[in-house]
Amino acid sequence: MTTSKKNLRTCDKGHKYYKSSDCPTCPVCEQERKPDTGFLSLLSAPARRALENNGVTSLQQLSTYSEKEILKFHGMGPASLPKLRAALETDGLSFKG
């Protein structure tokens, strides 16, 4: 397995970080943005952004999608589904049939 060279970058807020990909997201800013509570706080940053970028910020909104539709969102992976299922069940909701 080859590793890509990491480049030093600085975000608009002045945080310095290393990235080997073209992804422009600053990990420091992303950690500061992470909610302390709610179902979005359970997810990784890419999965959280995938939902937010598709307008899903509440469990009610999440329940209008099927698992298959959610997995099509860029950044969402199968590891997040159990967390999302459990959060929905806690509120008496489920994914769309």
PDB file of N, CA and C in Angstrom:
ATOM      1  N   MET A   1       0.848  -1.182   0.000  1.00  0.00           N
ATOM      2  CA  MET A   1       0.000   0.000   0.000  1.00  0.00           C
ATOM      3  C   MET A   1       0.887   1.236   0.000  1.00  0.00           C
ATOM      4  N   THR A   2       0.614   2.156  -0.897  1.00  0.00           N
ATOM      5  CA  THR A   2       1.405   3.377  -0.958  1.00  0.00           C
ATOM      6  C   THR A   2       0.684   4.480  -0.192  1.00  0.00           C
ATOM      7  N   THR A   3       1.465   5.347   0.381  1.00  0.00           N
ATOM      8  CA  THR A   3       0.886   6.484   1.086  1.00  0.00           C
ATOM      9  C   THR A   3       1.182   7.750   0.315  1.00  0.00           C
ATOM     10  N   SER A   4       0.210   8.611   0.259  1.00  0.00           N
ATOM     11  CA  SER A   4       0.380   9.879  -0.442  1.00  0.00           C
ATOM     12  C   SER A   4       1.093  10.859   0.478  1.00  0.00           C
ATOM     13  N   LYS A   5       1.821  11.748  -0.126  1.00  0.00           N
ATOM     14  CA  LYS A   5       2.510  12.773   0.641  1.00  0.00           C
ATOM     15  C   LYS A   5       1.485  13.766   1.172  1.00  0.00           C
ATOM     16  N   LYS A   6       1.600  14.084   2.455  1.00  0.00           N
ATOM     17  CA  LYS A   6       0.682  15.043   3.051  1.00  0.00           C
ATOM     18  C   LYS A   6       1.248  16.447   2.907  1.00  0.00           C
ATOM     19  N   ASN A   7       0.359  17.370   2.556  1.00  0.00           N
ATOM     20  CA  ASN A   7       0.750  18.759   2.370  1.00  0.00           C
ATOM     21  C   ASN A   7       0.225  19.606   3.514  1.00  0.00           C
ATOM     22  N   LEU A   8       1.046  20.530   3.955  1.00  0.00           N
ATOM     23  CA  LEU A   8       0.628  21.459   5.001  1.00  0.00           C
ATOM     24  C   LEU A   8      -0.320  22.486   4.396  1.00  0.00           C
ATOM     25  N   ARG A   9      -1.449  22.661   5.045  1.00  0.00           N
ATOM     26  CA  ARG A   9      -2.431  23.644   4.589  1.00  0.00           C
ATOM     27  C   ARG A   9      -2.829  24.534   5.747  1.00  0.00           C
ATOM     28  N   THR A  10      -3.407  25.675   5.405  1.00  0.00           N
ATOM     29  CA  THR A  10      -3.928  26.600   6.399  1.00  0.00           C
ATOM     30  C   THR A  10      -5.324  26.998   5.964  1.00  0.00           C
ATOM     31  N   CYS A  11      -6.289  26.861   6.871  1.00  0.00           N
ATOM     32  CA  CYS A  11      -7.671  27.216   6.528  1.00  0.00           C
ATOM     33  C   CYS A  11      -7.880  28.719   6.682  1.00  0.00           C
ATOM     34  N   ASP A  12      -9.075  29.180   6.341  1.00  0.00           N
ATOM     35  CA  ASP A  12      -9.405  30.609   6.422  1.00  0.00           C
ATOM     36  C   ASP A  12      -9.319  31.145   7.844  1.00  0.00           C
ATOM     37  N   LYS A  13      -9.489  30.272   8.834  1.00  0.00           N
ATOM     38  CA  LYS A  13      -9.421  30.694  10.240  1.00  0.00           C
ATOM     39  C   LYS A  13      -8.000  30.639  10.788  1.00  0.00           C
ATOM     40  N   GLY A  14      -7.046  30.168   9.964  1.00  0.00           N
ATOM     41  CA  GLY A  14      -5.651  30.135  10.382  1.00  0.00           C
ATOM     42  C   GLY A  14      -5.184  28.814  10.969  1.00  0.00           C
ATOM     43  N   HIS A  15      -6.047  27.802  11.002  1.00  0.00           N
ATOM     44  CA  HIS A  15      -5.634  26.490  11.510  1.00  0.00           C
ATOM     45  C   HIS A  15      -4.685  25.837  10.509  1.00  0.00           C
ATOM     46  N   LYS A  16      -3.627  25.241  11.010  1.00  0.00           N
ATOM     47  CA  LYS A  16      -2.683  24.530  10.148  1.00  0.00           C
ATOM     48  C   LYS A  16      -2.946  23.036  10.293  1.00  0.00           C
ATOM     49  N   TYR A  17      -2.983  22.329   9.159  1.00  0.00           N
ATOM     50  CA  TYR A  17      -3.246  20.892   9.159  1.00  0.00           C
ATOM     51  C   TYR A  17      -2.631  20.265   7.918  1.00  0.00           C
ATOM     52  N   TYR A  18      -2.441  18.950   7.963  1.00  0.00           N
ATOM     53  CA  TYR A  18      -1.874  18.210   6.842  1.00  0.00           C
ATOM     54  C   TYR A  18      -2.956  17.370   6.181  1.00  0.00           C
ATOM     55  N   LYS A  19      -2.964  17.353   4.854  1.00  0.00           N
ATOM     56  CA  LYS A  19      -3.900  16.528   4.083  1.00  0.00           C
ATOM     57  C   LYS A  19      -3.176  15.973   2.868  1.00  0.00           C
ATOM     58  N   SER A  20      -3.509  14.731   2.521  1.00  0.00           N
ATOM     59  CA  SER A  20      -2.928  14.126   1.322  1.00  0.00           C
ATOM     60  C   SER A  20      -3.925  14.137   0.165  1.00  0.00           C
ATOM     61  N   SER A  21      -5.193  14.431   0.470  1.00  0.00           N
ATOM     62  CA  SER A  21      -6.220  14.446  -0.576  1.00  0.00           C
ATOM     63  C   SER A  21      -6.525  15.879  -0.996  1.00  0.00           C
ATOM     64  N   ASP A  22      -7.426  16.006  -1.956  1.00  0.00           N
ATOM     65  CA  ASP A  22      -7.848  17.334  -2.407  1.00  0.00           C
ATOM     66  C   ASP A  22      -8.962  17.907  -1.539  1.00  0.00           C
ATOM     67  N   CYS A  23      -9.391  17.163  -0.531  1.00  0.00           N
ATOM     68  CA  CYS A  23     -10.484  17.594   0.335  1.00  0.00           C
ATOM     69  C   CYS A  23     -10.116  18.918   1.013  1.00  0.00           C
ATOM     70  N   PRO A  24     -10.952  19.946   0.864  1.00  0.00           N
ATOM     71  CA  PRO A  24     -10.630  21.256   1.425  1.00  0.00           C
ATOM     72  C   PRO A  24     -11.048  21.426   2.886  1.00  0.00           C
ATOM     73  N   THR A  25     -11.647  20.407   3.499  1.00  0.00           N
ATOM     74  CA  THR A  25     -12.188  20.540   4.847  1.00  0.00           C
ATOM     75  C   THR A  25     -11.086  20.551   5.891  1.00  0.00           C
ATOM     76  N   CYS A  26     -11.103  21.570   6.725  1.00  0.00           N
ATOM     77  CA  CYS A  26     -10.153  21.698   7.834  1.00  0.00           C
ATOM     78  C   CYS A  26     -10.646  20.818   8.982  1.00  0.00           C
ATOM     79  N   PRO A  27      -9.839  19.854   9.448  1.00  0.00           N
ATOM     80  CA  PRO A  27     -10.290  18.981  10.530  1.00  0.00           C
ATOM     81  C   PRO A  27     -10.513  19.714  11.850  1.00  0.00           C
ATOM     82  N   VAL A  28      -9.785  20.790  12.095  1.00  0.00           N
ATOM     83  CA  VAL A  28      -9.964  21.560  13.328  1.00  0.00           C
ATOM     84  C   VAL A  28     -11.317  22.268  13.297  1.00  0.00           C
ATOM     85  N   CYS A  29     -11.627  22.919  12.189  1.00  0.00           N
ATOM     86  CA  CYS A  29     -12.923  23.599  12.043  1.00  0.00           C
ATOM     87  C   CYS A  29     -14.064  22.580  12.132  1.00  0.00           C
ATOM     88  N   GLU A  30     -13.868  21.430  11.522  1.00  0.00           N
ATOM     89  CA  GLU A  30     -14.902  20.394  11.511  1.00  0.00           C
ATOM     90  C   GLU A  30     -15.173  19.895  12.921  1.00  0.00           C
ATOM     91  N   GLN A  31     -14.131  19.727  13.718  1.00  0.00           N
ATOM     92  CA  GLN A  31     -14.311  19.273  15.105  1.00  0.00           C
ATOM     93  C   GLN A  31     -15.035  20.348  15.922  1.00  0.00           C
ATOM     94  N   GLU A  32     -14.749  21.614  15.663  1.00  0.00           N
ATOM     95  CA  GLU A  32     -15.425  22.713  16.366  1.00  0.00           C
ATOM     96  C   GLU A  32     -16.906  22.770  16.003  1.00  0.00           C
ATOM     97  N   ARG A  33     -17.245  22.333  14.801  1.00  0.00           N
ATOM     98  CA  ARG A  33     -18.623  22.362  14.305  1.00  0.00           C
ATOM     99  C   ARG A  33     -19.472  21.194  14.803  1.00  0.00           C
ATOM    100  N   LYS A  34     -18.833  20.148  15.317  1.00  0.00           N
ATOM    101  CA  LYS A  34     -19.543  18.929  15.707  1.00  0.00           C
ATOM    102  C   LYS A  34     -20.527  19.233  16.835  1.00  0.00           C
ATOM    103  N   PRO A  35     -21.805  18.838  16.664  1.00  0.00           N
ATOM    104  CA  PRO A  35     -22.787  19.078  17.721  1.00  0.00           C
ATOM    105  C   PRO A  35     -22.486  18.240  18.964  1.00  0.00           C
ATOM    106  N   ASP A  36     -22.852  18.749  20.127  1.00  0.00           N
ATOM    107  CA  ASP A  36     -22.636  18.035  21.382  1.00  0.00           C
ATOM    108  C   ASP A  36     -23.726  17.013  21.652  1.00  0.00           C
ATOM    109  N   THR A  37     -24.907  17.251  21.107  1.00  0.00           N
ATOM    110  CA  THR A  37     -26.047  16.368  21.356  1.00  0.00           C
ATOM    111  C   THR A  37     -26.789  16.093  20.052  1.00  0.00           C
ATOM    112  N   GLY A  38     -27.723  15.176  20.123  1.00  0.00           N
ATOM    113  CA  GLY A  38     -28.536  14.853  18.962  1.00  0.00           C
ATOM    114  C   GLY A  38     -27.909  13.768  18.120  1.00  0.00           C
ATOM    115  N   PHE A  39     -28.686  13.261  17.175  1.00  0.00           N
ATOM    116  CA  PHE A  39     -28.219  12.134  16.379  1.00  0.00           C
ATOM    117  C   PHE A  39     -27.029  12.473  15.497  1.00  0.00           C
ATOM    118  N   LEU A  40     -26.891  13.720  15.090  1.00  0.00           N
ATOM    119  CA  LEU A  40     -25.747  14.107  14.254  1.00  0.00           C
ATOM    120  C   LEU A  40     -24.434  14.026  15.033  1.00  0.00           C
ATOM    121  N   SER A  41     -24.501  14.152  16.359  1.00  0.00           N
ATOM    122  CA  SER A  41     -23.280  14.071  17.176  1.00  0.00           C
ATOM    123  C   SER A  41     -22.711  12.661  17.227  1.00  0.00           C
ATOM    124  N   LEU A  42     -23.503  11.663  16.844  1.00  0.00           N
ATOM    125  CA  LEU A  42     -23.076  10.259  16.872  1.00  0.00           C
ATOM    126  C   LEU A  42     -22.262   9.864  15.647  1.00  0.00           C
ATOM    127  N   LEU A  43     -22.302  10.692  14.611  1.00  0.00           N
ATOM    128  CA  LEU A  43     -21.750  10.329  13.312  1.00  0.00           C
ATOM    129  C   LEU A  43     -20.349  10.893  13.083  1.00  0.00           C
ATOM    130  N   SER A  44     -19.636  10.258  12.164  1.00  0.00           N
ATOM    131  CA  SER A  44     -18.349  10.792  11.727  1.00  0.00           C
ATOM    132  C   SER A  44     -18.599  12.083  10.953  1.00  0.00           C
ATOM    133  N   ALA A  45     -17.574  12.887  10.811  1.00  0.00           N
ATOM    134  CA  ALA A  45     -17.723  14.151  10.094  1.00  0.00           C
ATOM    135  C   ALA A  45     -18.213  13.963   8.655  1.00  0.00           C
ATOM    136  N   PRO A  46     -17.657  13.011   7.881  1.00  0.00           N
ATOM    137  CA  PRO A  46     -18.156  12.848   6.510  1.00  0.00           C
ATOM    138  C   PRO A  46     -19.639  12.454   6.458  1.00  0.00           C
ATOM    139  N   ALA A  47     -20.047  11.566   7.361  1.00  0.00           N
ATOM    140  CA  ALA A  47     -21.453  11.138   7.380  1.00  0.00           C
ATOM    141  C   ALA A  47     -22.364  12.295   7.797  1.00  0.00           C
ATOM    142  N   ARG A  48     -21.929  13.060   8.778  1.00  0.00           N
ATOM    143  CA  ARG A  48     -22.711  14.217   9.236  1.00  0.00           C
ATOM    144  C   ARG A  48     -22.865  15.244   8.101  1.00  0.00           C
ATOM    145  N   ARG A  49     -21.758  15.531   7.415  1.00  0.00           N
ATOM    146  CA  ARG A  49     -21.820  16.474   6.290  1.00  0.00           C
ATOM    147  C   ARG A  49     -22.710  15.940   5.175  1.00  0.00           C
ATOM    148  N   ALA A  50     -22.677  14.620   4.941  1.00  0.00           N
ATOM    149  CA  ALA A  50     -23.512  14.017   3.894  1.00  0.00           C
ATOM    150  C   ALA A  50     -24.983  14.310   4.169  1.00  0.00           C
ATOM    151  N   LEU A  51     -25.399  14.147   5.413  1.00  0.00           N
ATOM    152  CA  LEU A  51     -26.796  14.423   5.759  1.00  0.00           C
ATOM    153  C   LEU A  51     -27.089  15.922   5.670  1.00  0.00           C
ATOM    154  N   GLU A  52     -26.235  16.727   6.270  1.00  0.00           N
ATOM    155  CA  GLU A  52     -26.445  18.179   6.262  1.00  0.00           C
ATOM    156  C   GLU A  52     -26.496  18.734   4.840  1.00  0.00           C
ATOM    157  N   ASN A  53     -25.613  18.262   3.980  1.00  0.00           N
ATOM    158  CA  ASN A  53     -25.578  18.749   2.599  1.00  0.00           C
ATOM    159  C   ASN A  53     -26.817  18.356   1.804  1.00  0.00           C
ATOM    160  N   ASN A  54     -27.543  17.359   2.310  1.00  0.00           N
ATOM    161  CA  ASN A  54     -28.787  16.935   1.669  1.00  0.00           C
ATOM    162  C   ASN A  54     -30.020  17.402   2.447  1.00  0.00           C
ATOM    163  N   GLY A  55     -29.816  18.342   3.368  1.00  0.00           N
ATOM    164  CA  GLY A  55     -30.930  18.947   4.091  1.00  0.00           C
ATOM    165  C   GLY A  55     -31.528  18.098   5.197  1.00  0.00           C
ATOM    166  N   VAL A  56     -30.812  17.067   5.629  1.00  0.00           N
ATOM    167  CA  VAL A  56     -31.321  16.191   6.682  1.00  0.00           C
ATOM    168  C   VAL A  56     -30.683  16.606   8.011  1.00  0.00           C
ATOM    169  N   THR A  57     -31.444  17.330   8.816  1.00  0.00           N
ATOM    170  CA  THR A  57     -30.919  17.792  10.101  1.00  0.00           C
ATOM    171  C   THR A  57     -31.798  17.374  11.274  1.00  0.00           C
ATOM    172  N   SER A  58     -32.854  16.610  10.999  1.00  0.00           N
ATOM    173  CA  SER A  58     -33.717  16.122  12.073  1.00  0.00           C
ATOM    174  C   SER A  58     -34.063  14.657  11.810  1.00  0.00           C
ATOM    175  N   LEU A  59     -34.441  13.957  12.870  1.00  0.00           N
ATOM    176  CA  LEU A  59     -34.843  12.564  12.716  1.00  0.00           C
ATOM    177  C   LEU A  59     -36.105  12.452  11.873  1.00  0.00           C
ATOM    178  N   GLN A  60     -36.994  13.428  11.991  1.00  0.00           N
ATOM    179  CA  GLN A  60     -38.219  13.432  11.184  1.00  0.00           C
ATOM    180  C   GLN A  60     -37.855  13.475   9.694  1.00  0.00           C
ATOM    181  N   GLN A  61     -36.904  14.322   9.333  1.00  0.00           N
ATOM    182  CA  GLN A  61     -36.457  14.396   7.934  1.00  0.00           C
ATOM    183  C   GLN A  61     -35.786  13.092   7.526  1.00  0.00           C
ATOM    184  N   LEU A  62     -34.973  12.515   8.413  1.00  0.00           N
ATOM    185  CA  LEU A  62     -34.278  11.264   8.121  1.00  0.00           C
ATOM    186  C   LEU A  62     -35.272  10.139   7.840  1.00  0.00           C
ATOM    187  N   SER A  63     -36.386  10.134   8.547  1.00  0.00           N
ATOM    188  CA  SER A  63     -37.370   9.064   8.402  1.00  0.00           C
ATOM    189  C   SER A  63     -38.082   9.081   7.050  1.00  0.00           C
ATOM    190  N   THR A  64     -37.901  10.135   6.277  1.00  0.00           N
ATOM    191  CA  THR A  64     -38.531  10.206   4.952  1.00  0.00           C
ATOM    192  C   THR A  64     -37.672   9.546   3.874  1.00  0.00           C
ATOM    193  N   TYR A  65     -36.512   9.027   4.265  1.00  0.00           N
ATOM    194  CA  TYR A  65     -35.588   8.374   3.334  1.00  0.00           C
ATOM    195  C   TYR A  65     -35.482   6.887   3.648  1.00  0.00           C
ATOM    196  N   SER A  66     -35.181   6.084   2.647  1.00  0.00           N
ATOM    197  CA  SER A  66     -34.869   4.675   2.860  1.00  0.00           C
ATOM    198  C   SER A  66     -33.369   4.567   3.150  1.00  0.00           C
ATOM    199  N   GLU A  67     -32.961   3.437   3.703  1.00  0.00           N
ATOM    200  CA  GLU A  67     -31.534   3.226   3.958  1.00  0.00           C
ATOM    201  C   GLU A  67     -30.752   3.281   2.645  1.00  0.00           C
ATOM    202  N   LYS A  68     -31.321   2.722   1.613  1.00  0.00           N
ATOM    203  CA  LYS A  68     -30.661   2.708   0.300  1.00  0.00           C
ATOM    204  C   LYS A  68     -30.425   4.137  -0.207  1.00  0.00           C
ATOM    205  N   GLU A  69     -31.418   5.016  -0.012  1.00  0.00           N
ATOM    206  CA  GLU A  69     -31.279   6.418  -0.446  1.00  0.00           C
ATOM    207  C   GLU A  69     -30.199   7.126   0.362  1.00  0.00           C
ATOM    208  N   ILE A  70     -30.157   6.873   1.668  1.00  0.00           N
ATOM    209  CA  ILE A  70     -29.160   7.505   2.537  1.00  0.00           C
ATOM    210  C   ILE A  70     -27.749   7.078   2.132  1.00  0.00           C
ATOM    211  N   LEU A  71     -27.574   5.811   1.799  1.00  0.00           N
ATOM    212  CA  LEU A  71     -26.252   5.310   1.418  1.00  0.00           C
ATOM    213  C   LEU A  71     -25.755   5.907   0.104  1.00  0.00           C
ATOM    214  N   LYS A  72     -26.637   6.478  -0.684  1.00  0.00           N
ATOM    215  CA  LYS A  72     -26.226   7.123  -1.940  1.00  0.00           C
ATOM    216  C   LYS A  72     -25.615   8.498  -1.703  1.00  0.00           C
ATOM    217  N   PHE A  73     -25.805   9.064  -0.508  1.00  0.00           N
ATOM    218  CA  PHE A  73     -25.241  10.377  -0.202  1.00  0.00           C
ATOM    219  C   PHE A  73     -23.717  10.265  -0.133  1.00  0.00           C
ATOM    220  N   HIS A  74     -23.022  11.166  -0.810  1.00  0.00           N
ATOM    221  CA  HIS A  74     -21.563  11.181  -0.790  1.00  0.00           C
ATOM    222  C   HIS A  74     -21.084  11.400   0.644  1.00  0.00           C
ATOM    223  N   GLY A  75     -20.272  10.471   1.137  1.00  0.00           N
ATOM    224  CA  GLY A  75     -19.739  10.574   2.489  1.00  0.00           C
ATOM    225  C   GLY A  75     -20.422   9.657   3.490  1.00  0.00           C
ATOM    226  N   MET A  76     -21.548   9.081   3.089  1.00  0.00           N
ATOM    227  CA  MET A  76     -22.283   8.185   3.988  1.00  0.00           C
ATOM    228  C   MET A  76     -21.863   6.749   3.731  1.00  0.00           C
ATOM    229  N   GLY A  77     -21.553   6.027   4.806  1.00  0.00           N
ATOM    230  CA  GLY A  77     -21.159   4.632   4.671  1.00  0.00           C
ATOM    231  C   GLY A  77     -22.047   3.731   5.505  1.00  0.00           C
ATOM    232  N   PRO A  78     -21.956   2.434   5.270  1.00  0.00           N
ATOM    233  CA  PRO A  78     -22.815   1.479   5.975  1.00  0.00           C
ATOM    234  C   PRO A  78     -22.594   1.446   7.488  1.00  0.00           C
ATOM    235  N   ALA A  79     -21.443   1.853   7.968  1.00  0.00           N
ATOM    236  CA  ALA A  79     -21.167   1.843   9.406  1.00  0.00           C
ATOM    237  C   ALA A  79     -22.057   2.832  10.170  1.00  0.00           C
ATOM    238  N   SER A  80     -22.581   3.833   9.484  1.00  0.00           N
ATOM    239  CA  SER A  80     -23.435   4.824  10.143  1.00  0.00           C
ATOM    240  C   SER A  80     -24.878   4.354  10.292  1.00  0.00           C
ATOM    241  N   LEU A  81     -25.284   3.377   9.499  1.00  0.00           N
ATOM    242  CA  LEU A  81     -26.687   2.947   9.523  1.00  0.00           C
ATOM    243  C   LEU A  81     -27.173   2.434  10.881  1.00  0.00           C
ATOM    244  N   PRO A  82     -26.407   1.605  11.599  1.00  0.00           N
ATOM    245  CA  PRO A  82     -26.889   1.166  12.909  1.00  0.00           C
ATOM    246  C   PRO A  82     -27.129   2.331  13.881  1.00  0.00           C
ATOM    247  N   LYS A  83     -26.261   3.330  13.832  1.00  0.00           N
ATOM    248  CA  LYS A  83     -26.428   4.507  14.702  1.00  0.00           C
ATOM    249  C   LYS A  83     -27.691   5.272  14.320  1.00  0.00           C
ATOM    250  N   LEU A  84     -27.918   5.415  13.019  1.00  0.00           N
ATOM    251  CA  LEU A  84     -29.100   6.134  12.551  1.00  0.00           C
ATOM    252  C   LEU A  84     -30.375   5.353  12.878  1.00  0.00           C
ATOM    253  N   ARG A  85     -30.345   4.036  12.687  1.00  0.00           N
ATOM    254  CA  ARG A  85     -31.505   3.186  13.016  1.00  0.00           C
ATOM    255  C   ARG A  85     -31.865   3.325  14.494  1.00  0.00           C
ATOM    256  N   ALA A  86     -30.844   3.245  15.355  1.00  0.00           N
ATOM    257  CA  ALA A  86     -31.072   3.341  16.801  1.00  0.00           C
ATOM    258  C   ALA A  86     -31.640   4.705  17.183  1.00  0.00           C
ATOM    259  N   ALA A  87     -31.116   5.769  16.577  1.00  0.00           N
ATOM    260  CA  ALA A  87     -31.623   7.118  16.872  1.00  0.00           C
ATOM    261  C   ALA A  87     -33.074   7.248  16.434  1.00  0.00           C
ATOM    262  N   LEU A  88     -33.413   6.717  15.265  1.00  0.00           N
ATOM    263  CA  LEU A  88     -34.795   6.750  14.792  1.00  0.00           C
ATOM    264  C   LEU A  88     -35.713   5.979  15.732  1.00  0.00           C
ATOM    265  N   GLU A  89     -35.297   4.772  16.136  1.00  0.00           N
ATOM    266  CA  GLU A  89     -36.109   3.933  17.015  1.00  0.00           C
ATOM    267  C   GLU A  89     -36.361   4.599  18.359  1.00  0.00           C
ATOM    268  N   THR A  90     -35.385   5.343  18.868  1.00  0.00           N
ATOM    269  CA  THR A  90     -35.540   6.049  20.137  1.00  0.00           C
ATOM    270  C   THR A  90     -36.695   7.038  20.063  1.00  0.00           C
ATOM    271  N   ASP A  91     -36.919   7.615  18.889  1.00  0.00           N
ATOM    272  CA  ASP A  91     -38.011   8.578  18.695  1.00  0.00           C
ATOM    273  C   ASP A  91     -39.270   7.914  18.106  1.00  0.00           C
ATOM    274  N   GLY A  92     -39.276   6.590  18.069  1.00  0.00           N
ATOM    275  CA  GLY A  92     -40.434   5.884  17.526  1.00  0.00           C
ATOM    276  C   GLY A  92     -40.561   6.000  16.008  1.00  0.00           C
ATOM    277  N   LEU A  93     -39.439   6.239  15.339  1.00  0.00           N
ATOM    278  CA  LEU A  93     -39.439   6.399  13.888  1.00  0.00           C
ATOM    279  C   LEU A  93     -38.627   5.284  13.251  1.00  0.00           C
ATOM    280  N   SER A  94     -38.652   5.214  11.937  1.00  0.00           N
ATOM    281  CA  SER A  94     -37.837   4.257  11.187  1.00  0.00           C
ATOM    282  C   SER A  94     -37.579   4.811   9.793  1.00  0.00           C
ATOM    283  N   PHE A  95     -36.658   4.163   9.102  1.00  0.00           N
ATOM    284  CA  PHE A  95     -36.411   4.532   7.716  1.00  0.00           C
ATOM    285  C   PHE A  95     -37.654   4.215   6.888  1.00  0.00           C
ATOM    286  N   LYS A  96     -37.801   4.925   5.791  1.00  0.00           N
ATOM    287  CA  LYS A  96     -38.912   4.675   4.865  1.00  0.00           C
ATOM    288  C   LYS A  96     -38.779   3.256   4.326  1.00  0.00           C
ATOM    289  N   GLY A  97     -39.911   2.529   4.296  1.00  0.00           N
ATOM    290  CA  GLY A  97     -39.983   1.143   3.877  1.00  0.00           C
ATOM    291  C   GLY A  97     -39.285   0.824   2.647  1.00  0.00           C
TER     292      GLY A  97
END
